[in-house]
Amino acid sequence: MRGWTLLLIAAGLAGGYNWWSQRAPGGVAPATATATTGIDGFVAVEMPTGTPRDTVLVLAPPNCPSEQAQRAEALIRELTDIGIPVKRGSSFSFNIENPSPEQRAAVDRTVEVFQQGAPAVFINGMGMSNPTTSQVVAVYRSTRGG
């Protein structure tokens, strides 16, 4: 009986190791937003193509009565009221030729932020899902140029 117990433990450990090693190529953990948390909960991301510098990009479903879309609209109003430029959208794309591993990881983090739910907010290379207005203002002020 003891032999079967050891065999089952060994098989379980081998299966666990096999599962773990196949989670990410080369045994390296995948790039996640939490691994690169930056300013006030925001993470370093690759900015979507066409996003102007020093402009907050807010992504949320258009013409939607959902709570997420309403939060996005409220955030846009509050930022506009205090004079921060905002661009609203519902999707994004990238125009990157021959991306480096760092750019690929940043794109992955951008997609991860977007998938966490609306509103997804991107500012000068930083992104976060559903931030507060004060978080957005802090990141905007600390990352804007000149």
Protein backbone atom coordinates (compact mmCIF):
# COMPACT_ATOMS: atom_id res chain seq x y z
CA MET A 1 0.00 0.00 0.00
CA ARG A 2 2.85 2.39 0.80
CA GLY A 3 4.25 1.85 -2.73
CA TRP A 4 0.96 2.96 -4.30
CA THR A 5 0.85 6.07 -2.13
CA LEU A 6 4.39 7.06 -3.18
CA LEU A 7 3.55 6.34 -6.82
CA LEU A 8 0.44 8.54 -6.65
CA ILE A 9 2.38 11.36 -5.00
CA ALA A 10 5.12 11.12 -7.64
CA ALA A 11 2.55 11.13 -10.46
CA GLY A 12 0.81 14.14 -8.92
CA LEU A 13 4.07 16.05 -8.61
CA ALA A 14 5.06 15.18 -12.19
CA GLY A 15 1.66 16.30 -13.47
CA GLY A 16 1.87 19.53 -11.51
CA TYR A 17 5.37 20.24 -12.80
CA ASN A 18 4.25 19.51 -16.38
CA TRP A 19 1.26 21.85 -16.06
CA TRP A 20 3.38 24.60 -14.50
CA SER A 21 6.13 24.43 -17.13
CA GLN A 22 3.59 24.66 -19.97
CA ARG A 23 1.90 27.79 -18.55
CA ALA A 24 4.54 30.08 -20.06
CA PRO A 25 7.23 29.41 -22.68
CA GLY A 26 10.70 28.91 -21.28
CA GLY A 27 9.40 28.79 -17.73
CA VAL A 28 9.13 32.59 -17.64
CA ALA A 29 6.00 34.02 -16.08
CA PRO A 30 3.76 35.85 -18.56
CA ALA A 31 3.77 39.64 -18.50
CA THR A 32 0.98 40.81 -16.27
CA ALA A 33 -0.22 44.20 -15.27
CA THR A 34 0.52 43.53 -11.63
CA ALA A 35 4.14 42.73 -12.41
CA THR A 36 4.77 46.24 -13.68
CA THR A 37 2.57 48.41 -11.52
CA GLY A 38 3.64 52.00 -11.84
CA ILE A 39 2.10 55.25 -10.73
CA ASP A 40 -1.01 55.11 -8.51
CA GLY A 41 -2.08 51.63 -9.66
CA PHE A 42 -1.44 52.26 -13.36
CA VAL A 43 0.84 49.93 -15.32
CA ALA A 44 3.29 50.55 -18.15
CA VAL A 45 1.59 49.83 -21.49
CA GLU A 46 2.06 50.32 -25.22
CA MET A 47 -0.15 53.23 -26.21
CA PRO A 48 -2.72 52.45 -28.90
CA THR A 49 -1.97 53.94 -32.32
CA GLY A 50 -3.32 57.43 -32.81
CA THR A 51 -3.46 58.40 -29.14
CA PRO A 52 -2.10 61.95 -28.81
CA ARG A 53 0.53 62.64 -26.16
CA ASP A 54 -0.83 64.31 -23.00
CA THR A 55 -4.38 63.17 -23.78
CA VAL A 56 -6.33 60.69 -21.69
CA LEU A 57 -7.77 57.85 -23.79
CA VAL A 58 -10.94 56.39 -22.23
CA LEU A 59 -12.21 53.16 -23.80
CA ALA A 60 -15.77 52.03 -23.07
CA PRO A 61 -18.77 50.76 -25.02
CA PRO A 62 -20.46 53.54 -27.01
CA ASN A 63 -24.10 54.47 -26.41
CA CYS A 64 -24.46 51.90 -23.66
CA PRO A 65 -26.57 52.20 -20.51
CA SER A 66 -24.31 49.80 -18.56
CA GLU A 67 -22.75 50.82 -15.26
CA GLN A 68 -19.29 50.63 -16.83
CA ALA A 69 -20.26 52.98 -19.66
CA GLN A 70 -21.85 55.39 -17.17
CA ARG A 71 -18.62 55.42 -15.12
CA ALA A 72 -16.70 56.19 -18.31
CA GLU A 73 -19.03 59.09 -19.14
CA ALA A 74 -18.72 60.48 -15.62
CA LEU A 75 -14.92 60.22 -15.76
CA ILE A 76 -14.82 61.98 -19.13
CA ARG A 77 -17.05 64.82 -17.81
CA GLU A 78 -14.95 65.26 -14.67
CA LEU A 79 -11.65 65.32 -16.60
CA THR A 80 -13.05 67.74 -19.18
CA ASP A 81 -14.37 70.01 -16.40
CA ILE A 82 -10.88 70.33 -14.90
CA GLY A 83 -9.26 70.97 -18.28
CA ILE A 84 -7.62 67.62 -19.02
CA PRO A 85 -7.86 66.64 -22.71
CA VAL A 86 -9.80 63.40 -23.23
CA LYS A 87 -10.28 61.15 -26.24
CA ARG A 88 -13.09 58.59 -26.06
CA GLY A 89 -13.07 55.32 -27.94
CA SER A 90 -14.37 51.77 -27.87
CA SER A 91 -11.48 49.89 -29.46
CA PHE A 92 -7.78 50.20 -30.15
CA SER A 93 -5.07 48.98 -32.49
CA PHE A 94 -1.31 48.96 -32.79
CA ASN A 95 0.91 49.74 -35.75
CA ILE A 96 4.22 48.18 -34.72
CA GLU A 97 6.65 46.60 -37.17
CA ASN A 98 9.10 44.04 -35.78
CA PRO A 99 8.18 44.56 -32.13
CA SER A 100 10.83 44.01 -29.50
CA PRO A 101 10.13 41.64 -26.61
CA GLU A 102 9.53 44.70 -24.42
CA GLN A 103 6.97 46.09 -26.87
CA ARG A 104 5.21 42.72 -27.05
CA ALA A 105 5.02 42.59 -23.26
CA ALA A 106 3.68 46.17 -23.19
CA VAL A 107 1.03 45.29 -25.80
CA ASP A 108 0.04 42.27 -23.69
CA ARG A 109 -0.37 44.55 -20.66
CA THR A 110 -2.47 46.97 -22.74
CA VAL A 111 -4.78 44.15 -23.79
CA GLU A 112 -4.95 42.90 -20.20
CA VAL A 113 -6.00 46.36 -18.95
CA PHE A 114 -8.67 46.53 -21.67
CA GLN A 115 -9.98 43.06 -20.83
CA GLN A 116 -10.38 43.92 -17.14
CA GLY A 117 -13.39 46.05 -17.98
CA ALA A 118 -14.50 49.53 -18.82
CA PRO A 119 -13.53 52.15 -18.56
CA ALA A 120 -10.00 51.28 -19.67
CA VAL A 121 -7.86 54.40 -19.37
CA PHE A 122 -4.52 55.05 -21.07
CA ILE A 123 -2.27 58.06 -20.48
CA ASN A 124 1.25 58.64 -21.79
CA GLY A 125 2.35 54.99 -21.68
CA MET A 126 0.36 54.06 -18.56
CA GLY A 127 -2.96 52.19 -18.33
CA MET A 128 -5.55 51.07 -15.80
CA SER A 129 -9.03 49.63 -15.75
CA ASN A 130 -11.69 51.62 -13.91
CA PRO A 131 -9.49 54.21 -12.19
CA THR A 132 -10.82 57.03 -10.08
CA THR A 133 -10.65 60.59 -11.34
CA SER A 134 -7.96 61.41 -8.78
CA GLN A 135 -5.83 58.48 -9.98
CA VAL A 136 -6.14 59.68 -13.59
CA VAL A 137 -5.27 63.26 -12.64
CA ALA A 138 -2.21 62.13 -10.67
CA VAL A 139 -0.87 60.03 -13.55
CA TYR A 140 -1.68 62.70 -16.11
CA ARG A 141 0.19 65.35 -14.14
CA SER A 142 3.18 63.14 -13.41
CA THR A 143 3.63 61.89 -16.99
CA ARG A 144 2.76 64.83 -19.18
CA GLY A 145 5.56 66.42 -21.16
CA GLY A 146 6.85 69.94 -20.77
